Amino acid sequence: MTSMVKNNMRVAMWYNNRDVRIEEMPIPQIGPGEALVRVEASGICGSDIMEWYRLDRAPLVLGHEIGGQIVAMGEGVERYQEGDRVSAAHHVPCNTCHFCLSGHHTVCDTLRRTNFDPGGFAEYIRLTAINVDRGIFLLPEEMSYEEATFIEPLACVLRGQRLAHMQPGNSVLVIGSGIAGLLHVQLACTLGARLVIATDINDHRLEAAQRFGADVTIRAEEDLPTRLRQVNHGCLAGLVIVCTGATSAIAQALQSVERGGTVLFFAPTNPGVTIPISINELFWRNDITLTTSYGGSPADYQAALDLIRAGTMRVRQMITHRLGLAEIGLGFQLVAEAQNSIKIIIEPQR
């Protein structure tokens, strides 16, 4: 292992969304098969602000959408070298269990136990041997570190649309036009959707949805089924993708899906939320499919990287803020407010 010039590094320690402190901790020491990555860019994900999901584990260093450079490797690492520009998966599957072998990598027990040490909102992260083995993705020269931070969220979106059986010619309704919704809009267009409709309560995000390919934008307060029939030849949507956990949005989704269609619940709700469902109306009579999606497999990561490299997915234009590590509190505030920000990139080396 190459010796580091310094022993400590800065990290953003998350206590809650209003309390993110810049602290110091030792640079992680790596062992055999491991790698140390200097983080150059790290995206704030919507899941990073889900306090109910994380408060019982606070304080902790968050951040899982990264681009960086390998600066040291442990004994036995042969596929990579110091100086390699990379992105990395924070969760990786075992590839041998029942779930992995049946294509459900993201419910693998190993995937749920693996993670970065400490997290992407730090100057350096340690990748364990299993992450090095199946979770490193080399960046092409033309891809920037900030573009690399979109590999993970796009991998999740790819998996979601695959599970929802997105097909060319589909009419697609995306409810919620934050960063996940905008990626879904772009991907649906890329995959040949006949009509893409996006909703939100925020005009800034509706304008962004138009820029990234939505054929029609609708304010979420409107009568969505009626508006859909107006723009979709009298039909509801063949595929509805729900990118917000608001119960009102879930109710809209169930009212807006056409017979034989699919609803993809991409965003989680608050804990304890339940939704009454009519078995007869949705399933027995109308053949509606309800499905969910979590995370992405290594193959999804590679596909996401390839789409970004090809310029098919215009991710750089989604970045509204680039902040240094010391400004991360502002970043969390902007994401939580969900007003005039889309994607916020943290640059830990600043």
Protein backbone atom coordinates (compact mmCIF):
# COMPACT_ATOMS: atom_id res chain seq x y z
CA MET A 1 0.00 0.00 0.00
CA THR A 2 1.23 3.46 -0.88
CA SER A 3 1.78 5.64 2.21
CA MET A 4 -0.53 8.62 2.53
CA VAL A 5 0.85 12.11 3.01
CA LYS A 6 -1.60 12.80 5.84
CA ASN A 7 -3.25 10.62 8.46
CA ASN A 8 -6.61 12.35 8.90
CA MET A 9 -9.36 13.41 6.54
CA ARG A 10 -12.44 15.61 6.65
CA VAL A 11 -15.88 14.00 6.64
CA ALA A 12 -19.43 15.34 6.77
CA MET A 13 -20.93 13.69 9.85
CA TRP A 14 -24.74 13.52 9.61
CA TYR A 15 -26.70 13.85 12.85
CA ASN A 16 -29.94 14.92 11.18
CA ASN A 17 -30.90 16.97 8.12
CA ARG A 18 -30.33 20.23 9.99
CA ASP A 19 -27.15 19.12 11.71
CA VAL A 20 -24.34 18.01 9.40
CA ARG A 21 -20.90 18.69 10.87
CA ILE A 22 -17.48 18.76 9.29
CA GLU A 23 -15.33 16.49 11.44
CA GLU A 24 -12.01 14.71 11.16
CA MET A 25 -11.34 11.01 11.31
CA PRO A 26 -8.38 8.83 10.35
CA ILE A 27 -8.01 7.94 6.68
CA PRO A 28 -9.14 4.29 6.50
CA GLN A 29 -6.38 1.69 6.46
CA ILE A 30 -6.76 -0.88 3.71
CA GLY A 31 -6.01 -4.57 3.84
CA PRO A 32 -5.49 -7.34 1.26
CA GLY A 33 -7.78 -7.07 -1.74
CA GLU A 34 -8.99 -3.61 -0.75
CA ALA A 35 -8.63 -0.16 -2.28
CA LEU A 36 -8.56 3.43 -1.10
CA VAL A 37 -10.38 5.95 -3.28
CA ARG A 38 -10.02 9.73 -3.12
CA VAL A 39 -13.54 11.05 -3.59
CA GLU A 40 -13.72 13.86 -6.15
CA ALA A 41 -17.51 14.14 -6.44
CA SER A 42 -20.42 12.75 -4.48
CA GLY A 43 -24.11 13.32 -5.18
CA ILE A 44 -26.77 13.93 -2.54
CA CYS A 45 -29.50 11.36 -3.03
CA GLY A 46 -33.12 11.85 -2.01
CA SER A 47 -32.73 8.85 0.28
CA ASP A 48 -29.96 10.69 2.15
CA ILE A 49 -32.58 13.02 3.66
CA MET A 50 -34.95 10.25 4.83
CA GLU A 51 -34.47 10.83 8.56
CA TRP A 52 -36.84 8.02 9.60
CA TYR A 53 -34.57 5.59 7.74
CA ARG A 54 -31.30 6.74 9.34
CA LEU A 55 -31.76 8.52 12.67
CA ASP A 56 -31.38 5.36 14.74
CA ARG A 57 -27.89 4.91 13.24
CA ALA A 58 -26.74 8.54 13.53
CA PRO A 59 -24.16 9.97 13.59
CA LEU A 60 -22.85 8.58 10.33
CA VAL A 61 -21.18 9.60 7.08
CA LEU A 62 -23.60 9.32 4.17
CA GLY A 63 -22.98 9.44 0.42
CA HIS A 64 -23.15 6.57 -2.06
CA GLU A 65 -23.05 8.24 -5.51
CA ILE A 66 -19.35 8.79 -6.12
CA GLY A 67 -16.65 9.46 -8.66
CA GLY A 68 -13.01 9.36 -7.61
CA GLN A 69 -9.51 8.07 -8.08
CA ILE A 70 -7.79 5.01 -6.65
CA VAL A 71 -4.84 6.20 -4.58
CA ALA A 72 -3.79 2.97 -2.85
CA MET A 73 -4.39 -0.76 -3.20
CA GLY A 74 -3.98 -3.69 -0.89
CA GLU A 75 -2.01 -6.82 -1.62
CA GLY A 76 -3.52 -9.01 -4.33
CA VAL A 77 -5.39 -6.34 -6.31
CA GLU A 78 -4.43 -6.92 -9.94
CA ARG A 79 -7.27 -5.57 -12.08
CA TYR A 80 -6.78 -1.94 -11.03
CA GLN A 81 -3.91 0.42 -10.42
CA GLU A 82 -3.22 3.64 -8.61
CA GLY A 83 -4.48 6.59 -10.60
CA ASP A 84 -7.46 4.77 -12.09
CA ARG A 85 -10.53 7.00 -12.33
CA VAL A 86 -13.52 5.08 -11.03
CA SER A 87 -17.03 4.97 -9.77
CA ALA A 88 -18.02 2.30 -7.28
CA ALA A 89 -21.07 0.47 -5.99
CA HIS A 90 -21.60 0.83 -2.25
CA HIS A 91 -23.75 -2.33 -2.09
CA VAL A 92 -22.63 -5.44 -4.00
CA PRO A 93 -24.30 -8.87 -4.28
CA CYS A 94 -22.80 -12.29 -3.65
CA ASN A 95 -23.88 -13.56 -7.11
CA THR A 96 -24.33 -17.10 -5.74
CA CYS A 97 -27.43 -17.08 -3.50
CA HIS A 98 -30.99 -17.99 -4.54
CA PHE A 99 -31.90 -14.32 -4.96
CA CYS A 100 -28.93 -13.45 -7.18
CA LEU A 101 -29.33 -16.56 -9.31
CA SER A 102 -33.01 -15.70 -9.88
CA GLY A 103 -32.17 -12.13 -10.92
CA HIS A 104 -33.10 -10.41 -7.65
CA HIS A 105 -29.62 -9.14 -6.76
CA THR A 106 -30.87 -6.20 -4.72
CA VAL A 107 -32.51 -8.40 -2.07
CA CYS A 108 -29.31 -10.40 -1.57
CA ASP A 109 -28.18 -10.50 2.08
CA THR A 110 -24.61 -9.69 1.06
CA LEU A 111 -25.74 -6.62 -0.88
CA ARG A 112 -27.57 -5.36 2.19
CA ARG A 113 -24.50 -5.79 4.42
CA THR A 114 -21.85 -4.21 2.17
CA ASN A 115 -21.07 -0.49 2.13
CA PHE A 116 -18.40 2.17 1.79
CA ASP A 117 -16.09 2.95 4.70
CA PRO A 118 -17.10 5.51 5.83
CA GLY A 119 -19.29 7.10 3.11
CA GLY A 120 -19.03 9.27 0.02
CA PHE A 121 -19.21 12.59 1.88
CA ALA A 122 -15.58 12.17 2.91
CA GLU A 123 -12.23 12.90 1.34
CA TYR A 124 -11.42 9.18 1.08
CA ILE A 125 -13.31 5.89 1.22
CA ARG A 126 -12.14 2.34 1.70
CA LEU A 127 -13.55 -0.31 -0.62
CA THR A 128 -13.59 -3.77 0.93
CA ALA A 129 -12.36 -6.76 -1.04
CA ILE A 130 -15.83 -7.77 -2.24
CA ASN A 131 -16.53 -4.21 -3.41
CA VAL A 132 -13.23 -4.19 -5.29
CA ASP A 133 -14.00 -7.58 -6.81
CA ARG A 134 -17.42 -6.69 -8.24
CA GLY A 135 -18.19 -3.04 -7.52
CA ILE A 136 -15.57 -0.89 -9.28
CA PHE A 137 -16.32 0.68 -12.66
CA LEU A 138 -13.52 2.31 -14.64
CA LEU A 139 -14.44 5.71 -16.04
CA PRO A 140 -13.70 6.48 -19.68
CA GLU A 141 -11.50 9.52 -20.26
CA GLU A 142 -14.40 11.59 -21.56
CA MET A 143 -16.53 11.07 -18.43
CA SER A 144 -16.14 13.58 -15.60
CA TYR A 145 -16.27 12.70 -11.92
CA GLU A 146 -19.53 14.59 -11.52
CA GLU A 147 -21.10 12.64 -14.39
CA ALA A 148 -19.93 9.46 -12.67
CA THR A 149 -22.09 10.29 -9.64
CA PHE A 150 -25.14 9.56 -11.82
CA ILE A 151 -24.15 5.96 -12.48
CA GLU A 152 -25.72 4.64 -9.27
CA PRO A 153 -29.06 6.49 -9.49
CA LEU A 154 -29.39 5.69 -13.19
CA ALA A 155 -28.69 2.01 -12.46
CA CYS A 156 -31.63 2.06 -10.04
CA VAL A 157 -33.85 3.67 -12.70
CA LEU A 158 -32.78 1.11 -15.31
CA ARG A 159 -33.69 -1.75 -13.02
CA GLY A 160 -37.04 -0.17 -12.21
CA GLN A 161 -38.08 0.23 -15.83
CA ARG A 162 -36.90 -3.27 -16.63
CA LEU A 163 -39.01 -4.75 -13.84
CA ALA A 164 -41.96 -2.65 -15.02
CA HIS A 165 -41.52 -4.07 -18.55
CA MET A 166 -41.11 -0.70 -20.21
CA GLN A 167 -41.63 -1.22 -23.96
CA PRO A 168 -41.30 0.99 -27.05
CA GLY A 169 -44.66 2.55 -27.80
CA ASN A 170 -45.72 2.76 -24.15
CA SER A 171 -47.44 5.81 -22.74
CA VAL A 172 -45.58 6.66 -19.54
CA LEU A 173 -46.69 8.84 -16.64
CA VAL A 174 -43.99 9.93 -14.19
CA ILE A 175 -45.42 11.28 -10.94
CA GLY A 176 -42.83 13.50 -9.24
CA SER A 177 -40.15 15.32 -11.26
CA GLY A 178 -37.23 15.38 -8.86
CA ILE A 179 -33.94 13.84 -9.93
CA ALA A 180 -35.32 10.27 -10.00
CA GLY A 181 -38.37 11.37 -11.96
CA LEU A 182 -36.25 13.25 -14.48
CA LEU A 183 -34.01 10.24 -15.00
CA HIS A 184 -37.13 8.13 -15.56
CA VAL A 185 -38.42 10.69 -18.08
CA GLN A 186 -35.15 10.63 -20.02
CA LEU A 187 -34.84 6.85 -19.94
CA ALA A 188 -38.43 6.31 -21.06
CA CYS A 189 -37.78 8.59 -24.03
CA THR A 190 -34.56 6.71 -24.79
CA LEU A 191 -36.36 3.37 -24.68
CA GLY A 192 -38.95 4.52 -27.20
CA ALA A 193 -41.96 5.63 -25.20
CA ARG A 194 -44.69 6.98 -27.46
CA LEU A 195 -45.78 9.60 -24.94
CA VAL A 196 -44.13 10.74 -21.69
CA ILE A 197 -46.13 12.79 -19.19
CA ALA A 198 -44.59 14.26 -16.04
CA THR A 199 -46.25 15.78 -12.97
CA ASP A 200 -45.06 17.80 -10.02
CA ILE A 201 -46.24 20.54 -7.65
CA ASN A 202 -43.26 22.71 -8.54
CA ASP A 203 -43.09 24.75 -11.77
CA HIS A 204 -39.28 24.71 -11.82
CA ARG A 205 -39.29 20.92 -11.91
CA LEU A 206 -42.03 20.77 -14.52
CA GLU A 207 -39.91 23.02 -16.75
CA ALA A 208 -36.97 20.66 -16.17
CA ALA A 209 -39.13 17.69 -17.13
CA GLN A 210 -39.89 19.38 -20.44
CA ARG A 211 -36.18 20.04 -21.04
CA PHE A 212 -35.38 16.39 -20.46
CA GLY A 213 -37.97 15.02 -22.84
CA ALA A 214 -41.46 15.04 -21.34
CA ASP A 215 -44.06 15.56 -24.05
CA VAL A 216 -46.63 16.88 -21.58
CA THR A 217 -46.31 18.32 -18.07
CA ILE A 218 -49.22 18.52 -15.64
CA ARG A 219 -49.45 20.16 -12.25
CA ALA A 220 -50.08 17.48 -9.65
CA GLU A 221 -53.15 19.29 -8.27
CA GLU A 222 -55.06 18.81 -11.52
CA ASP A 223 -57.57 16.05 -12.29
CA LEU A 224 -54.93 13.68 -13.59
CA PRO A 225 -57.12 10.95 -15.14
CA THR A 226 -59.10 13.56 -17.06
CA ARG A 227 -55.96 15.32 -18.31
CA LEU A 228 -54.42 12.00 -19.34
CA ARG A 229 -57.41 11.12 -21.49
CA GLN A 230 -57.19 14.55 -23.11
CA VAL A 231 -53.58 14.07 -24.19
CA ASN A 232 -53.51 10.29 -24.72
CA HIS A 233 -56.32 9.61 -27.20
CA GLY A 234 -58.88 8.92 -24.49
CA CYS A 235 -56.65 6.49 -22.59
CA LEU A 236 -54.95 6.45 -19.23
CA ALA A 237 -51.22 5.64 -18.93
CA GLY A 238 -49.84 2.23 -19.79
CA LEU A 239 -46.99 2.65 -17.29
CA VAL A 240 -47.13 4.85 -14.20
CA ILE A 241 -43.89 5.49 -12.29
CA VAL A 242 -44.33 6.95 -8.81
CA CYS A 243 -41.25 8.94 -7.73
CA THR A 244 -42.69 10.40 -4.53
CA GLY A 245 -43.88 8.72 -1.37
CA ALA A 246 -46.84 11.08 -0.90
CA THR A 247 -50.04 9.10 -0.36
CA SER A 248 -51.93 11.49 -2.64
CA ALA A 249 -49.51 10.60 -5.46
CA ILE A 250 -50.04 6.89 -4.87
CA ALA A 251 -53.80 7.37 -5.05
CA GLN A 252 -53.37 9.33 -8.30
CA ALA A 253 -51.24 6.55 -9.74
CA LEU A 254 -53.88 3.90 -9.07
CA GLN A 255 -56.49 6.10 -10.74
CA SER A 256 -54.27 6.88 -13.73
CA VAL A 257 -53.14 3.47 -14.96
CA GLU A 258 -54.87 1.96 -17.99
CA ARG A 259 -56.32 -1.57 -18.04
CA GLY A 260 -53.48 -4.04 -18.53
CA GLY A 261 -50.99 -1.43 -17.35
CA THR A 262 -48.33 -1.30 -14.66
CA VAL A 263 -47.63 0.93 -11.67
CA LEU A 264 -44.00 1.09 -10.50
CA PHE A 265 -43.62 2.38 -6.95
CA PHE A 266 -40.09 3.74 -7.17
CA ALA A 267 -40.04 5.88 -4.01
CA PRO A 268 -40.72 4.65 -0.47
CA THR A 269 -43.45 6.09 1.72
CA ASN A 270 -43.04 7.17 5.31
CA PRO A 271 -43.01 4.17 7.68
CA GLY A 272 -46.37 2.69 8.56
CA VAL A 273 -48.22 4.01 5.51
CA THR A 274 -50.83 1.62 4.11
CA ILE A 275 -53.01 2.08 1.05
CA PRO A 276 -56.44 0.44 0.57
CA ILE A 277 -56.60 -1.43 -2.73
CA SER A 278 -59.61 -2.84 -4.53
CA ILE A 279 -58.64 -6.36 -5.58
CA ASN A 280 -61.57 -6.62 -7.97
CA GLU A 281 -61.13 -3.27 -9.71
CA LEU A 282 -57.34 -3.35 -10.05
CA PHE A 283 -56.54 -7.01 -10.50
CA TRP A 284 -59.50 -9.29 -11.18
CA ARG A 285 -61.17 -7.05 -13.72
CA ASN A 286 -58.42 -4.83 -15.11
CA ASP A 287 -55.17 -6.84 -15.07
CA ILE A 288 -53.17 -4.08 -13.37
CA THR A 289 -49.64 -4.95 -12.26
CA LEU A 290 -48.17 -3.26 -9.17
CA THR A 291 -44.43 -3.56 -8.68
CA THR A 292 -41.54 -1.91 -6.82
CA SER A 293 -37.82 -1.58 -7.33
CA TYR A 294 -34.82 -1.04 -5.06
CA GLY A 295 -31.22 -0.45 -6.06
CA GLY A 296 -29.37 -1.82 -9.06
CA SER A 297 -27.23 -4.83 -9.94
CA PRO A 298 -23.64 -4.63 -11.22
CA ALA A 299 -24.99 -5.13 -14.75
CA ASP A 300 -27.28 -2.13 -14.26
CA TYR A 301 -24.28 -0.03 -13.16
CA GLN A 302 -22.40 -0.96 -16.31
CA ALA A 303 -25.40 -0.21 -18.51
CA ALA A 304 -25.84 3.15 -16.80
CA LEU A 305 -22.17 4.01 -17.35
CA ASP A 306 -22.49 3.11 -21.04
CA LEU A 307 -25.60 5.28 -21.51
CA ILE A 308 -23.89 8.26 -19.88
CA ARG A 309 -20.69 7.76 -21.87
CA ALA A 310 -22.68 7.65 -25.11
CA GLY A 311 -24.37 10.93 -24.27
CA THR A 312 -27.75 9.23 -24.44
CA MET A 313 -28.56 10.39 -20.92
CA ARG A 314 -27.86 14.11 -20.47
CA VAL A 315 -26.94 14.09 -16.80
CA ARG A 316 -24.52 17.00 -16.53
CA GLN A 317 -27.36 19.38 -17.34
CA MET A 318 -29.25 18.13 -14.28
CA ILE A 319 -26.66 19.56 -11.89
CA THR A 320 -27.88 22.78 -10.30
CA HIS A 321 -25.37 23.14 -7.44
CA ARG A 322 -21.74 22.20 -6.89
CA LEU A 323 -20.68 22.64 -3.27
CA GLY A 324 -17.56 22.04 -1.23
CA LEU A 325 -17.66 19.68 1.72
CA ALA A 326 -17.97 22.58 4.17
CA GLU A 327 -21.17 23.67 2.38
CA ILE A 328 -22.90 20.31 2.65
CA GLY A 329 -25.39 21.59 5.22
CA LEU A 330 -26.74 23.94 2.56
CA GLY A 331 -26.92 20.99 0.16
CA PHE A 332 -29.08 18.97 2.54
CA GLN A 333 -31.30 21.99 3.10
CA LEU A 334 -31.80 22.48 -0.64
CA VAL A 335 -32.64 18.81 -1.21
CA ALA A 336 -35.08 18.76 1.69
CA GLU A 337 -36.83 21.93 0.46
CA ALA A 338 -37.21 20.43 -3.04
CA GLN A 339 -37.73 23.82 -4.69
CA ASN A 340 -35.17 25.15 -7.17
CA SER A 341 -32.55 22.41 -6.97
CA ILE A 342 -32.35 19.25 -9.03
CA LYS A 343 -28.99 17.56 -8.48
CA ILE A 344 -26.48 18.73 -5.90
CA ILE A 345 -22.88 17.57 -6.17
CA ILE A 346 -20.51 17.69 -3.21
CA GLU A 347 -16.78 18.03 -3.99
CA PRO A 348 -14.95 16.73 -0.90
CA GLN A 349 -11.52 17.93 -2.03
CA ARG A 350 -12.63 21.59 -2.02
